[in-house]
Protein backbone atom coordinates (compact mmCIF):
# COMPACT_ATOMS: atom_id res chain seq x y z
CA MET A 1 -26.70 -13.04 -21.40
CA ASN A 2 -22.52 -11.66 -22.18
CA SER A 3 -20.73 -12.58 -19.86
CA THR A 4 -17.70 -11.24 -21.05
CA PRO A 5 -16.63 -8.38 -18.43
CA LYS A 6 -16.04 -4.77 -19.39
CA PHE A 7 -12.78 -2.92 -20.06
CA GLY A 8 -10.46 -2.61 -16.69
CA TYR A 9 -13.04 -5.06 -14.65
CA GLU A 10 -12.20 -8.52 -13.34
CA ASP A 11 -14.12 -11.22 -14.73
CA PRO A 12 -17.36 -12.37 -13.09
CA SER A 13 -15.63 -16.46 -13.49
CA HIS A 14 -12.32 -15.64 -11.64
CA VAL A 15 -14.38 -13.14 -8.92
CA ASP A 16 -16.28 -17.05 -7.79
CA LEU A 17 -13.05 -18.79 -7.84
CA ARG A 18 -11.44 -15.78 -6.28
CA GLN A 19 -13.46 -16.27 -3.78
CA GLN A 20 -13.79 -20.47 -3.63
CA TRP A 21 -10.14 -19.99 -2.76
CA PHE A 22 -10.92 -17.67 -0.03
CA ASN A 23 -12.77 -20.14 1.51
CA SER A 24 -10.27 -23.26 1.73
CA THR A 25 -7.86 -24.18 4.33
CA ALA A 26 -4.95 -21.86 2.33
CA GLY A 27 -7.33 -18.62 2.24
CA GLN A 28 -9.05 -18.64 5.77
CA TYR A 29 -5.08 -18.78 7.32
CA LEU A 30 -3.83 -15.95 5.15
CA GLN A 31 -7.06 -13.88 6.30
CA LEU A 32 -6.57 -14.73 9.55
CA GLN A 33 -2.77 -13.60 9.42
CA GLU A 34 -3.78 -10.51 7.19
CA GLN A 35 -6.60 -9.30 9.45
CA ALA A 36 -4.05 -9.18 12.59
CA LEU A 37 -1.87 -7.01 10.57
CA TYR A 38 -4.66 -4.28 8.96
CA ASP A 39 -6.20 -4.67 12.02
CA GLN A 40 -3.02 -3.48 14.34
CA ALA A 41 -1.87 -0.89 11.59
CA VAL A 42 -4.71 1.36 10.85
CA PHE A 43 -5.89 1.97 14.30
CA ASP A 44 -3.54 4.54 14.69
CA LEU A 45 -4.06 6.22 11.32
CA PHE A 46 -5.97 9.44 10.70
CA GLY A 47 -7.62 11.69 8.64
CA PHE A 48 -11.14 12.33 6.69
CA ASN A 49 -11.66 9.71 4.67
CA ALA A 50 -10.25 6.60 3.68
CA VAL A 51 -10.79 3.31 0.94
CA GLN A 52 -9.99 -0.74 0.61
CA MET A 53 -9.42 -1.24 -2.83
CA GLY A 54 -10.72 -5.33 -3.24
CA CYS A 55 -10.62 -8.32 -0.51
CA LEU A 56 -13.75 -7.31 0.85
CA GLN A 57 -13.79 -10.94 2.24
CA MET A 58 -11.89 -9.29 5.38
CA ASP A 59 -13.25 -5.98 6.16
CA LEU A 60 -9.62 -4.15 7.03
CA LEU A 61 -10.61 -0.79 8.11
CA ARG A 62 -13.14 -2.11 10.69
CA ASN A 63 -10.51 -1.04 13.49
CA SER A 64 -9.70 2.00 11.67
CA ARG A 65 -11.61 5.13 13.55
CA ILE A 66 -10.82 7.62 10.51
CA PRO A 67 -15.25 8.68 10.09
CA TYR A 68 -15.48 8.37 5.89
CA LYS A 69 -14.82 4.19 4.94
CA PHE A 70 -15.36 3.27 1.32
CA LYS A 71 -15.08 -0.18 -0.23
CA ALA A 72 -14.23 -0.54 -4.01
CA SER A 73 -14.61 -3.97 -6.15
CA ASP A 74 -12.78 -4.14 -10.15
CA CYS A 75 -15.62 -6.02 -10.12
CA ILE A 76 -19.99 -5.40 -10.99
CA GLU A 77 -21.14 -8.37 -10.12
CA THR A 78 -20.29 -9.43 -6.07
CA SER A 79 -21.72 -10.76 -3.76
CA PHE A 80 -20.14 -8.22 -0.92
CA GLU A 81 -21.73 -4.70 -0.47
CA THR A 82 -19.80 -2.16 -1.86
CA ASN A 83 -19.65 1.53 -2.42
CA LEU A 84 -18.16 1.92 -5.74
CA ASN A 85 -16.70 -0.24 -8.43
CA CYS A 86 -13.72 1.04 -10.33
CA CYS A 87 -10.20 -0.36 -11.73
CA ASP A 88 -7.63 0.73 -9.05
CA ASP A 89 -5.02 1.79 -12.16
CA PHE A 90 -7.57 4.41 -12.53
CA LEU A 91 -9.39 5.13 -9.10
CA PRO A 92 -11.92 7.63 -10.00
CA PHE A 93 -11.49 10.09 -6.50
CA SER A 94 -9.48 13.47 -6.81
CA GLU A 95 -5.89 15.04 -6.53
CA VAL A 96 -5.35 14.33 -3.03
CA SER A 97 -7.90 13.74 -1.30
CA LEU A 98 -7.57 9.98 0.45
CA ASP A 99 -5.91 10.00 3.98
CA LEU A 100 -5.47 6.49 4.07
CA LEU A 101 -5.99 3.47 1.40
CA LEU A 102 -4.96 -0.18 1.03
CA LEU A 103 -4.08 -1.93 -1.62
CA PRO A 104 -4.64 -5.87 -0.66
CA HIS A 105 -3.20 -7.98 -3.36
CA CYS A 106 -4.19 -5.77 -6.09
CA LEU A 107 -0.80 -4.83 -7.33
CA GLU A 108 0.24 -8.85 -8.49
CA PHE A 109 -2.68 -9.10 -10.08
CA SER A 110 -3.20 -5.29 -11.91
CA PRO A 111 -2.69 -5.00 -15.67
CA ARG A 112 -0.72 -2.07 -14.92
CA PRO A 113 0.39 -2.55 -11.27
CA HIS A 114 2.62 0.04 -11.65
CA GLN A 115 0.21 2.81 -13.17
CA THR A 116 -2.07 1.72 -9.75
CA LEU A 117 0.91 2.67 -7.37
CA ARG A 118 0.98 6.01 -9.53
CA GLU A 119 -2.89 6.73 -9.07
CA ALA A 120 -2.59 6.05 -5.24
CA ALA A 121 0.19 8.20 -5.35
CA ARG A 122 -2.26 11.21 -7.48
CA VAL A 123 -4.75 10.94 -4.79
CA MET A 124 -2.85 10.38 -1.60
CA MET A 125 -2.68 13.59 0.68
CA PRO A 126 0.38 14.46 1.85
CA GLU A 127 1.81 12.28 4.76
CA GLY A 128 -1.18 10.07 3.90
CA HIS A 129 -1.07 6.82 3.91
CA LEU A 130 -0.32 3.71 2.38
CA ILE A 131 -1.03 0.14 2.84
CA ILE A 132 -0.11 -2.91 0.63
CA SER A 133 -0.10 -6.85 1.19
CA GLY A 134 0.99 -8.83 -1.22
CA PHE A 135 2.52 -12.64 -2.62
CA ASN A 136 6.32 -13.15 -1.85
CA PRO A 137 7.63 -14.32 -4.80
CA LEU A 138 10.83 -15.80 -2.76
CA SER A 139 8.68 -18.09 -0.38
CA ALA A 140 7.07 -21.55 -0.52
CA TRP A 141 3.72 -19.20 -1.39
CA GLY A 142 5.65 -18.37 -4.55
CA ALA A 143 6.82 -21.59 -5.17
CA ALA A 144 3.96 -22.85 -5.03
CA ALA A 145 2.49 -20.54 -7.53
CA LYS A 146 5.18 -21.48 -9.96
CA PHE A 147 4.57 -25.41 -9.78
CA ASN A 148 0.73 -24.32 -10.66
CA ARG A 149 1.74 -23.01 -14.16
CA LEU A 150 4.01 -25.94 -15.19
CA ILE A 151 0.74 -28.76 -14.41
CA SER A 152 -1.63 -26.50 -15.52
CA LYS A 153 -1.69 -23.73 -17.93
CA HIS A 154 -5.36 -22.48 -16.63
CA GLN A 155 -4.50 -21.35 -13.69
CA THR A 156 -6.86 -19.99 -10.38
CA TYR A 157 -6.28 -17.31 -7.38
CA PRO A 158 -4.27 -17.03 -6.49
CA TRP A 159 -1.84 -18.80 -8.50
CA ARG A 160 -2.53 -16.35 -11.92
CA GLY A 161 -0.80 -13.39 -10.34
CA LYS A 162 2.18 -12.17 -11.02
CA PHE A 163 3.74 -11.73 -7.95
CA ILE A 164 5.82 -8.58 -7.27
CA GLY A 165 9.26 -9.07 -5.03
CA LEU A 166 9.95 -7.00 -2.37
CA PRO A 167 12.87 -4.71 -4.38
CA ARG A 168 11.52 -4.06 -6.98
CA LEU A 169 8.65 -2.60 -5.02
CA LYS A 170 10.34 -0.60 -3.22
CA ASP A 171 12.72 0.84 -5.23
CA TRP A 172 8.73 1.83 -6.83
CA LEU A 173 7.53 3.55 -3.92
CA ALA A 174 10.66 5.32 -3.84
CA LEU A 175 9.81 6.84 -6.93
CA MET A 176 6.45 7.48 -6.59
CA GLY A 177 7.90 9.65 -3.21
CA PHE A 178 7.31 7.03 -0.67
CA GLU A 179 9.15 6.18 2.40
CA ILE A 180 8.25 2.78 3.72
CA LEU A 181 7.61 3.31 7.71
CA SER A 182 7.12 -0.39 8.18
CA LEU A 183 7.59 -3.98 6.92
CA ASN A 184 6.14 -7.33 8.40
CA MET A 185 6.16 -10.61 7.04
CA CYS A 186 3.53 -13.61 7.75
CA CYS A 187 2.15 -16.57 6.16
CA HIS A 188 4.99 -18.14 7.18
CA VAL A 189 3.10 -22.16 6.25
CA PRO A 190 2.95 -23.55 3.39
CA PRO A 191 -0.17 -23.06 1.61
CA PHE A 192 -1.95 -26.63 2.37
CA GLU A 193 -5.10 -27.64 1.67
CA HIS A 194 -5.60 -29.77 4.39
CA SER A 195 -6.19 -28.72 7.32
CA SER A 196 -4.43 -31.46 9.01
CA TRP A 197 -1.28 -30.45 7.16
CA GLN A 198 -1.63 -27.11 8.55
CA SER A 199 -1.92 -27.42 11.99
CA HIS A 200 1.13 -29.75 12.06
CA ALA A 201 2.82 -27.20 10.96
CA ALA A 202 2.11 -24.08 12.84
CA PHE A 203 5.29 -23.89 13.95
CA MET A 204 7.02 -22.30 11.33
CA ASP A 205 4.69 -19.54 11.74
CA LYS A 206 7.10 -18.61 15.30
CA LEU A 207 9.71 -20.27 13.43
CA GLY A 208 9.42 -17.89 10.60
CA GLU A 209 9.42 -15.13 12.59
CA ARG A 210 12.31 -15.76 14.03
CA CYS A 211 15.24 -17.16 11.99
CA CYS A 212 13.73 -16.29 8.58
CA ALA A 213 11.30 -13.81 8.47
CA ILE A 214 11.95 -12.78 4.58
CA LEU A 215 10.52 -15.92 3.37
CA GLY A 216 7.36 -15.07 4.73
CA GLY A 217 4.48 -16.14 2.26
CA VAL A 218 2.83 -12.52 2.84
CA TYR A 219 4.71 -9.02 2.65
CA PHE A 220 2.73 -6.21 4.74
CA ILE A 221 4.23 -2.55 3.67
CA VAL A 222 3.15 0.95 5.60
CA ALA A 223 4.73 3.50 3.58
CA LYS A 224 3.47 7.48 3.96
CA LYS A 225 3.57 9.68 1.21
CA ARG A 226 6.40 12.55 1.55
CA VAL A 227 5.87 15.45 -0.49
CA VAL A 228 9.73 17.36 -1.12
CA GLY A 229 8.92 21.32 -0.05
CA MET A 230 10.06 24.47 -1.18
CA THR A 231 13.41 25.56 1.20
CA PRO A 232 13.34 28.27 2.84
CA ILE A 233 15.83 31.08 2.06
CA LYS A 234 16.88 33.10 4.74
CA PRO A 235 18.25 36.61 4.86
CA ASN A 236 22.04 36.27 5.49
CA TRP A 237 21.97 39.79 7.91
CA LYS A 238 25.48 39.44 7.95
CA ALA A 239 26.78 40.64 4.24
CA ALA A 240 23.44 42.58 4.16
CA THR A 241 25.17 45.21 6.23
CA LEU A 242 25.05 48.84 5.35
CA SER A 243 28.21 49.82 3.72
CA SER A 244 30.09 52.39 5.41
CA THR A 245 30.17 54.78 2.57
CA LEU A 246 26.38 54.89 2.53
CA ILE A 247 26.90 55.73 6.03
CA ALA A 248 25.73 59.93 6.75
CA ARG A 249 29.21 60.86 8.74
CA PRO A 250 29.19 64.87 10.41
CA THR A 251 32.13 67.37 8.27
CA GLN A 252 31.81 70.45 10.46
CA SER A 253 30.78 70.64 14.09
CA LYS A 254 28.15 72.30 14.60
CA PRO A 255 28.09 75.86 17.19
CA ALA A 256 26.73 73.78 20.05
CA GLN A 257 29.62 71.17 19.79
CA LYS A 258 32.56 73.97 20.83
CA LYS A 259 33.55 74.46 23.90
C-alpha cells in the first residue's frame, strides 16, 4: 500500500509520532495547561459555528456554548473522531461563515502559516474570534527544539516545527485585520521526559507567571476580526442654510396692511 500522503495532508507516520509525544510526560503536561486556557476562553464566546483545526487529542470546544461545533484534521487516517479532513491553509468553508476558529499548534507546522491566517480571516464572521496556541521560541521549549535539531537530522513532533515568535505573529494578525484581545503564557516547566523531574520543577509555573511570563513555553492568543466600516457623512446643517438672495421678500405693502 502506498503510504505517501496526499497533497496538503500530513504523513500518517508523523501523526503516529505526534500521538506518542502527546502521551509522554511533556505532552500530558502541555495538554493539561492548554485545556484549562481553552475551556476558560471559549465559554463566553457566542455564535452559531465553531471549528477546531487539529490537536484532536484535546476536546478544546467541550466548554463552548456554540450550538454547531466541528473538528477538522489535516490527516485522512486518524484515530480520533473528525467531521472533515482538510488543510489549514485551504479551509473548505464559505466566506464569513465561522464565528469561532481554533488553531492549536497549526501555524508552526503549516507549510504556509501566513496563508493559514489569510484563510482564517476569509472564513471568519465580522467580530468573530480566532484562538491560537503555539510554541514560544524564546523559552526552554524553543531551546529544546534547537538542541534537537543539532543532535539529530530526523526531527519528531514537536521539535520539527518552525516556532513563530510573538512579535512576528502579532504583525501578521494586525495585517489580517485581527485585534488581540488577550495574551497568556503557559508551560513554564521545561519539557522534561521524566515525571519526577517535572514534579520537582512544578514551582516554575507560578514563578514564571509572576516574574517572567514572556518566557513561557506556549503562548495563547484570543483575537477578534475587526472590519472597518464606512464612516457615515452627517449633513452640515449650518453650512446648508438657504442664501439670503433666495428668500422671497415683499416689495410693497398690501392694502390690508395700511393703517
